[in-house]
Amino acid sequence: MKLLVLDPLSLLGREFLRCGDELDRLAVELEFRHTSIDDEHEIAEVGGRPVLVPPLDSPAELEGYEAILVASEGHGSRHDHLLSFLDRNPDAAVVDLSRLVVLRERTTPAAGLGPASARHLRVAHPALVATARVVEVLQHLGRLGGSLAVVDPVSVFGREGIEILARQAAQRMRGEPVSERIDDRIRAFNVFAVDPSDVQEEAAAVLPELQLAVTHSLSGVFHGHLARLALTCSEALSPQTVRETLEQAAGLELADYPLALDTVPDHDRVLVAPAALSADGRQLALTLMADGLRVGGAVTAFELLESLV
């Protein structure tokens, strides 16, 4: 597969290039472009050797690849070349790993289960990728609906967000005014409830058979996505049935209490705390934790690329 990676030096881009086994399995031939304002070439490391990353200067530079992976941390003027390319090439295989706002209306969210539903895809939110794996094995037990509480770390804002969070925390610990913001917010030692409509819309696309009410929060942790999934089941369940069913799910790993968020970095699987059931066995609650740079990140991107080519 001849693959062009946009912005390989981003957090997600670096994570994608770390997946050497997947790159080898798909026989990926890599080329790169960057979208920063700098006209100079950047240098990335692939397989222990340096490679040059030239700037993206025209839509024509996106031609001739079996697939394009977008790993940008933000939207810049060079993305206009990508938008122009997408307009002219509706059948091109494109995967948006970074979930750029500017590409939202041009891409279809996907969780990496089953064949591709469109040619321009974006990796679904990590909480939805995790939920899809749970729902895939629980659906035959009967469901009526549920809710999903999504909690994002600062790493969704890339390397800059992580660096600013560290400085915010130091300033707050010293009792100093916080001089920098992350998306206009002070995230250190804080949690924000934010508008869930984007994740809600994505949930309806990724899991159309399940009616989910979604809430969305931003936490002050560096890495690790957290989701709390609650399902109302049409049939009463036992703890043993739930556990045995979840053990069959691809991409899940059942864990014991206590389960800490700092255990998920570099995991390719979703960690699942023991299920909680109501007294009548019809209300099921699960705590899901995942490394969003991999689950709903690089690993899911490979699944989408494989379904496209």
Protein backbone atom coordinates (compact mmCIF):
# COMPACT_ATOMS: atom_id res chain seq x y z
CA MET A 1 0.00 0.00 0.00
CA LYS A 2 1.38 3.39 -1.00
CA LEU A 3 0.30 5.70 1.81
CA LEU A 4 0.77 9.45 2.27
CA VAL A 5 0.83 10.62 5.90
CA LEU A 6 0.05 14.27 6.58
CA ASP A 7 1.88 15.59 9.66
CA PRO A 8 3.72 12.49 10.91
CA LEU A 9 5.34 14.50 13.73
CA SER A 10 2.07 15.08 15.59
CA LEU A 11 1.24 12.93 18.64
CA LEU A 12 -1.08 10.77 16.55
CA GLY A 13 1.32 10.71 13.62
CA ARG A 14 4.17 9.49 15.81
CA GLU A 15 1.89 6.87 17.37
CA PHE A 16 0.91 5.64 13.90
CA LEU A 17 4.55 5.28 12.87
CA ARG A 18 5.27 3.34 16.06
CA CYS A 19 2.99 0.55 14.84
CA GLY A 20 5.77 -1.23 12.98
CA ASP A 21 4.08 -4.64 12.95
CA GLU A 22 0.96 -3.21 11.31
CA LEU A 23 3.01 -1.28 8.78
CA ASP A 24 4.83 -4.48 7.87
CA ARG A 25 1.65 -6.56 7.76
CA LEU A 26 -0.02 -4.20 5.29
CA ALA A 27 3.24 -3.75 3.35
CA VAL A 28 2.91 0.01 3.66
CA GLU A 29 5.14 2.24 1.54
CA LEU A 30 5.19 5.61 3.28
CA GLU A 31 5.55 9.15 2.02
CA PHE A 32 5.01 12.34 4.01
CA ARG A 33 3.92 15.98 3.88
CA HIS A 34 3.46 18.55 6.65
CA THR A 35 0.88 21.35 6.93
CA SER A 36 2.66 23.76 9.27
CA ILE A 37 3.24 27.36 8.19
CA ASP A 38 6.99 26.74 7.95
CA ASP A 39 8.21 26.28 4.36
CA GLU A 40 11.17 24.20 5.50
CA HIS A 41 11.32 20.42 5.40
CA GLU A 42 10.77 18.61 8.70
CA ILE A 43 12.57 15.44 9.75
CA ALA A 44 10.75 12.36 11.03
CA GLU A 45 12.16 9.05 12.20
CA VAL A 46 10.77 5.88 10.64
CA GLY A 47 12.22 2.48 11.44
CA GLY A 48 15.19 4.06 13.16
CA ARG A 49 16.20 6.20 10.21
CA PRO A 50 15.48 9.86 9.42
CA VAL A 51 13.18 10.84 6.54
CA LEU A 52 12.39 14.25 5.12
CA VAL A 53 8.87 15.67 5.40
CA PRO A 54 8.31 18.43 2.81
CA PRO A 55 5.48 20.97 3.09
CA LEU A 56 2.20 20.34 1.27
CA ASP A 57 2.16 22.94 -1.49
CA SER A 58 -0.58 21.83 -3.89
CA PRO A 59 -3.49 19.37 -4.31
CA ALA A 60 -1.47 17.60 -7.00
CA GLU A 61 0.94 16.34 -4.32
CA LEU A 62 -1.89 14.22 -2.92
CA GLU A 63 -2.41 12.34 -6.17
CA GLY A 64 -1.16 8.83 -6.89
CA TYR A 65 -1.56 7.22 -3.45
CA GLU A 66 -3.70 4.24 -2.50
CA ALA A 67 -4.68 6.09 0.68
CA ILE A 68 -4.06 9.32 2.60
CA LEU A 69 -3.86 9.49 6.39
CA VAL A 70 -4.46 12.87 8.06
CA ALA A 71 -2.68 13.18 11.43
CA SER A 72 -2.64 16.98 11.82
CA GLU A 73 -2.99 18.58 15.25
CA GLY A 74 -4.77 21.65 13.91
CA HIS A 75 -6.17 23.32 10.82
CA GLY A 76 -3.91 25.56 8.76
CA SER A 77 -3.91 27.19 5.36
CA ARG A 78 -2.17 24.19 3.75
CA HIS A 79 -5.25 22.09 4.48
CA ASP A 80 -6.96 24.03 1.70
CA HIS A 81 -4.99 21.80 -0.69
CA LEU A 82 -6.49 18.75 1.01
CA LEU A 83 -10.01 20.17 0.80
CA SER A 84 -9.53 20.89 -2.89
CA PHE A 85 -8.26 17.35 -3.43
CA LEU A 86 -11.28 15.84 -1.64
CA ASP A 87 -13.67 17.90 -3.76
CA ARG A 88 -12.04 16.59 -6.93
CA ASN A 89 -11.53 13.00 -5.76
CA PRO A 90 -14.64 11.68 -4.01
CA ASP A 91 -13.48 8.09 -4.49
CA ALA A 92 -10.01 8.59 -2.96
CA ALA A 93 -9.32 6.59 0.20
CA VAL A 94 -8.81 9.07 3.05
CA VAL A 95 -8.69 8.43 6.80
CA ASP A 96 -8.79 11.39 9.18
CA LEU A 97 -6.97 10.15 12.28
CA SER A 98 -6.96 13.57 13.95
CA ARG A 99 -10.71 14.29 13.68
CA LEU A 100 -10.22 17.80 12.31
CA VAL A 101 -13.24 20.09 12.60
CA VAL A 102 -12.69 21.30 9.03
CA LEU A 103 -13.13 17.72 7.77
CA ARG A 104 -16.13 16.82 9.90
CA GLU A 105 -18.75 17.37 7.19
CA ARG A 106 -16.59 15.60 4.59
CA THR A 107 -15.89 12.37 6.49
CA THR A 108 -17.92 9.50 7.93
CA PRO A 109 -17.06 8.26 11.45
CA ALA A 110 -16.08 4.60 11.73
CA ALA A 111 -15.05 2.34 14.61
CA GLY A 112 -13.06 -0.21 12.63
CA LEU A 113 -15.65 -2.99 12.75
CA GLY A 114 -16.74 -4.37 9.39
CA PRO A 115 -16.33 -3.00 5.87
CA ALA A 116 -15.87 0.70 5.16
CA SER A 117 -19.14 2.60 4.74
CA ALA A 118 -17.57 5.48 2.76
CA ARG A 119 -14.31 6.45 1.05
CA HIS A 120 -13.60 9.47 3.25
CA LEU A 121 -13.52 8.20 6.84
CA ARG A 122 -12.58 9.59 10.20
CA VAL A 123 -11.62 7.55 13.22
CA ALA A 124 -14.55 7.62 15.62
CA HIS A 125 -14.14 9.06 19.11
CA PRO A 126 -12.22 6.57 21.32
CA ALA A 127 -15.21 6.20 23.66
CA LEU A 128 -17.37 5.15 20.71
CA VAL A 129 -14.73 2.73 19.41
CA ALA A 130 -14.72 1.14 22.88
CA THR A 131 -18.52 1.14 23.14
CA ALA A 132 -18.89 -0.46 19.70
CA ARG A 133 -16.84 -3.43 20.84
CA VAL A 134 -19.03 -3.88 23.91
CA VAL A 135 -22.26 -3.54 21.97
CA GLU A 136 -21.10 -6.00 19.30
CA VAL A 137 -21.11 -8.89 21.79
CA LEU A 138 -23.95 -7.74 24.09
CA GLN A 139 -26.54 -7.00 21.41
CA HIS A 140 -27.87 -10.55 21.23
CA LEU A 141 -28.74 -10.35 24.94
CA GLY A 142 -31.31 -7.63 24.24
CA ARG A 143 -31.00 -3.86 24.71
CA LEU A 144 -33.42 -0.97 24.85
CA GLY A 145 -31.08 1.98 25.12
CA GLY A 146 -28.59 3.63 27.37
CA SER A 147 -26.26 6.49 28.15
CA LEU A 148 -22.58 7.18 27.63
CA ALA A 149 -20.50 9.59 29.70
CA VAL A 150 -17.32 10.55 27.83
CA VAL A 151 -14.29 12.08 29.58
CA ASP A 152 -11.40 13.32 27.41
CA PRO A 153 -7.77 13.97 28.47
CA VAL A 154 -5.66 16.96 27.45
CA SER A 155 -3.77 14.87 24.90
CA VAL A 156 -6.65 15.49 22.46
CA PHE A 157 -5.07 18.95 22.02
CA GLY A 158 -1.74 17.46 20.98
CA ARG A 159 1.75 18.07 22.32
CA GLU A 160 1.10 21.76 22.94
CA GLY A 161 -1.89 20.97 25.16
CA ILE A 162 0.16 18.57 27.28
CA GLU A 163 2.98 21.08 27.68
CA ILE A 164 0.58 23.87 28.65
CA LEU A 165 -1.17 21.61 31.19
CA ALA A 166 2.16 20.95 32.91
CA ARG A 167 2.81 24.69 33.16
CA GLN A 168 -0.74 25.39 34.35
CA ALA A 169 -0.37 22.79 37.11
CA ALA A 170 2.94 24.26 38.27
CA GLN A 171 1.49 27.77 38.39
CA ARG A 172 -1.60 26.67 40.30
CA MET A 173 0.52 24.71 42.78
CA ARG A 174 2.57 27.85 43.43
CA GLY A 175 -0.56 29.99 43.76
CA GLU A 176 0.37 32.07 40.72
CA PRO A 177 -1.98 33.39 38.03
CA VAL A 178 -2.32 30.93 35.15
CA SER A 179 -0.85 32.61 32.09
CA GLU A 180 -1.82 30.15 29.35
CA ARG A 181 -5.08 28.49 28.36
CA ILE A 182 -5.96 25.25 26.59
CA ASP A 183 -8.86 25.99 24.28
CA ASP A 184 -9.49 29.10 26.45
CA ARG A 185 -9.70 27.00 29.62
CA ILE A 186 -7.63 26.24 32.71
CA ARG A 187 -7.56 22.45 32.67
CA ALA A 188 -5.11 21.76 35.52
CA PHE A 189 -6.94 20.24 38.51
CA ASN A 190 -10.24 20.86 36.77
CA VAL A 191 -13.07 19.17 34.83
CA PHE A 192 -15.43 20.85 32.34
CA ALA A 193 -18.80 19.62 31.13
CA VAL A 194 -19.03 20.65 27.46
CA ASP A 195 -21.53 20.44 24.62
CA PRO A 196 -21.90 16.73 23.71
CA SER A 197 -23.68 17.27 20.39
CA ASP A 198 -20.71 16.31 18.18
CA VAL A 199 -20.16 13.02 20.03
CA GLN A 200 -23.92 12.43 20.17
CA GLU A 201 -24.17 12.83 16.40
CA GLU A 202 -21.20 10.53 15.89
CA ALA A 203 -22.73 7.91 18.21
CA ALA A 204 -25.89 7.85 16.09
CA ALA A 205 -23.76 7.21 12.98
CA VAL A 206 -21.47 4.57 14.51
CA LEU A 207 -24.14 2.79 16.59
CA PRO A 208 -27.44 3.39 14.78
CA GLU A 209 -29.06 0.35 16.43
CA LEU A 210 -28.52 1.72 19.95
CA GLN A 211 -30.16 4.88 21.25
CA LEU A 212 -27.54 6.56 23.44
CA ALA A 213 -27.78 9.76 25.45
CA VAL A 214 -24.26 11.19 25.55
CA THR A 215 -22.54 13.57 27.96
CA HIS A 216 -19.06 14.97 27.34
CA SER A 217 -16.47 16.25 29.81
CA LEU A 218 -12.88 17.49 29.58
CA SER A 219 -10.57 16.44 32.41
CA GLY A 220 -7.24 17.70 33.66
CA VAL A 221 -5.31 14.45 33.08
CA PHE A 222 -2.58 14.13 30.46
CA HIS A 223 -3.48 10.82 28.77
CA GLY A 224 -6.22 8.19 28.82
CA HIS A 225 -9.85 8.29 27.70
CA LEU A 226 -12.56 7.32 30.17
CA ALA A 227 -16.13 6.31 29.34
CA ARG A 228 -19.00 5.17 31.53
CA LEU A 229 -21.52 3.13 29.59
CA ALA A 230 -24.96 2.38 31.03
CA LEU A 231 -27.35 0.05 29.21
CA THR A 232 -30.95 -0.89 29.87
CA CYS A 233 -31.44 -4.51 28.84
CA SER A 234 -34.71 -6.13 27.81
CA GLU A 235 -33.73 -9.35 29.57
CA ALA A 236 -32.35 -9.80 33.07
CA LEU A 237 -28.62 -10.55 33.09
CA SER A 238 -26.36 -12.25 35.59
CA PRO A 239 -22.80 -11.13 36.40
CA GLN A 240 -21.49 -14.42 35.02
CA THR A 241 -23.36 -13.98 31.72
CA VAL A 242 -22.02 -10.45 31.31
CA ARG A 243 -18.45 -11.49 32.06
CA GLU A 244 -18.51 -14.51 29.77
CA THR A 245 -20.00 -12.42 26.96
CA LEU A 246 -17.46 -9.61 27.31
CA GLU A 247 -14.63 -12.15 27.28
CA GLN A 248 -15.63 -12.95 23.70
CA ALA A 249 -15.21 -9.35 22.54
CA ALA A 250 -12.27 -8.49 20.33
CA GLY A 251 -10.25 -5.57 21.63
CA LEU A 252 -11.47 -5.74 25.24
CA GLU A 253 -9.54 -6.77 28.34
CA LEU A 254 -11.44 -7.40 31.58
CA ALA A 255 -9.71 -5.93 34.62
CA ASP A 256 -10.20 -6.07 38.38
CA TYR A 257 -10.65 -3.25 40.87
CA PRO A 258 -8.96 -0.89 41.36
CA LEU A 259 -8.47 0.13 37.73
CA ALA A 260 -6.41 3.29 37.21
CA LEU A 261 -6.41 5.50 34.13
CA ASP A 262 -2.62 5.69 34.11
CA THR A 263 -2.45 1.97 33.26
CA VAL A 264 -3.87 2.42 29.75
CA PRO A 265 -1.07 4.20 27.82
CA ASP A 266 0.39 1.98 25.08
CA HIS A 267 -2.46 -0.57 25.39
CA ASP A 268 -4.08 -1.71 22.15
CA ARG A 269 -7.13 -2.97 24.04
CA VAL A 270 -9.92 -1.33 26.00
CA LEU A 271 -9.69 -2.02 29.73
CA VAL A 272 -13.06 -2.82 31.30
CA ALA A 273 -13.75 -2.67 35.04
CA PRO A 274 -16.08 -5.29 36.57
CA ALA A 275 -19.67 -4.78 35.44
CA ALA A 276 -22.24 -3.36 37.83
CA LEU A 277 -25.80 -4.71 37.63
CA SER A 278 -29.01 -3.45 39.20
CA ALA A 279 -30.96 -5.72 41.57
CA ASP A 280 -33.30 -6.83 38.75
CA GLY A 281 -30.40 -7.47 36.37
CA ARG A 282 -31.75 -5.15 33.67
CA GLN A 283 -29.48 -2.14 34.25
CA LEU A 284 -25.84 -2.66 33.29
CA ALA A 285 -23.03 -0.16 33.97
CA LEU A 286 -19.48 -0.44 32.65
CA THR A 287 -16.38 1.70 33.11
CA LEU A 288 -14.17 1.68 30.01
CA MET A 289 -10.62 3.05 29.76
CA ALA A 290 -8.46 3.32 26.66
CA ASP A 291 -5.34 4.93 25.26
CA GLY A 292 -6.99 7.23 22.73
CA LEU A 293 -3.74 7.55 20.77
CA ARG A 294 -4.16 3.86 19.89
CA VAL A 295 -7.80 2.79 20.44
CA GLY A 296 -9.78 5.34 18.50
CA GLY A 297 -6.35 6.38 17.27
CA ALA A 298 -3.52 4.67 15.39
CA VAL A 299 -4.71 1.07 15.77
CA THR A 300 -8.22 1.96 14.60
CA ALA A 301 -6.76 3.92 11.69
CA PHE A 302 -5.00 0.76 10.48
CA GLU A 303 -8.32 -1.10 10.65
CA LEU A 304 -9.97 1.58 8.54
CA LEU A 305 -7.15 1.66 6.00
CA GLU A 306 -7.36 -2.10 5.65
CA SER A 307 -11.10 -1.86 4.97
CA LEU A 308 -10.56 0.81 2.28
CA VAL A 309 -7.83 -0.77 0.14
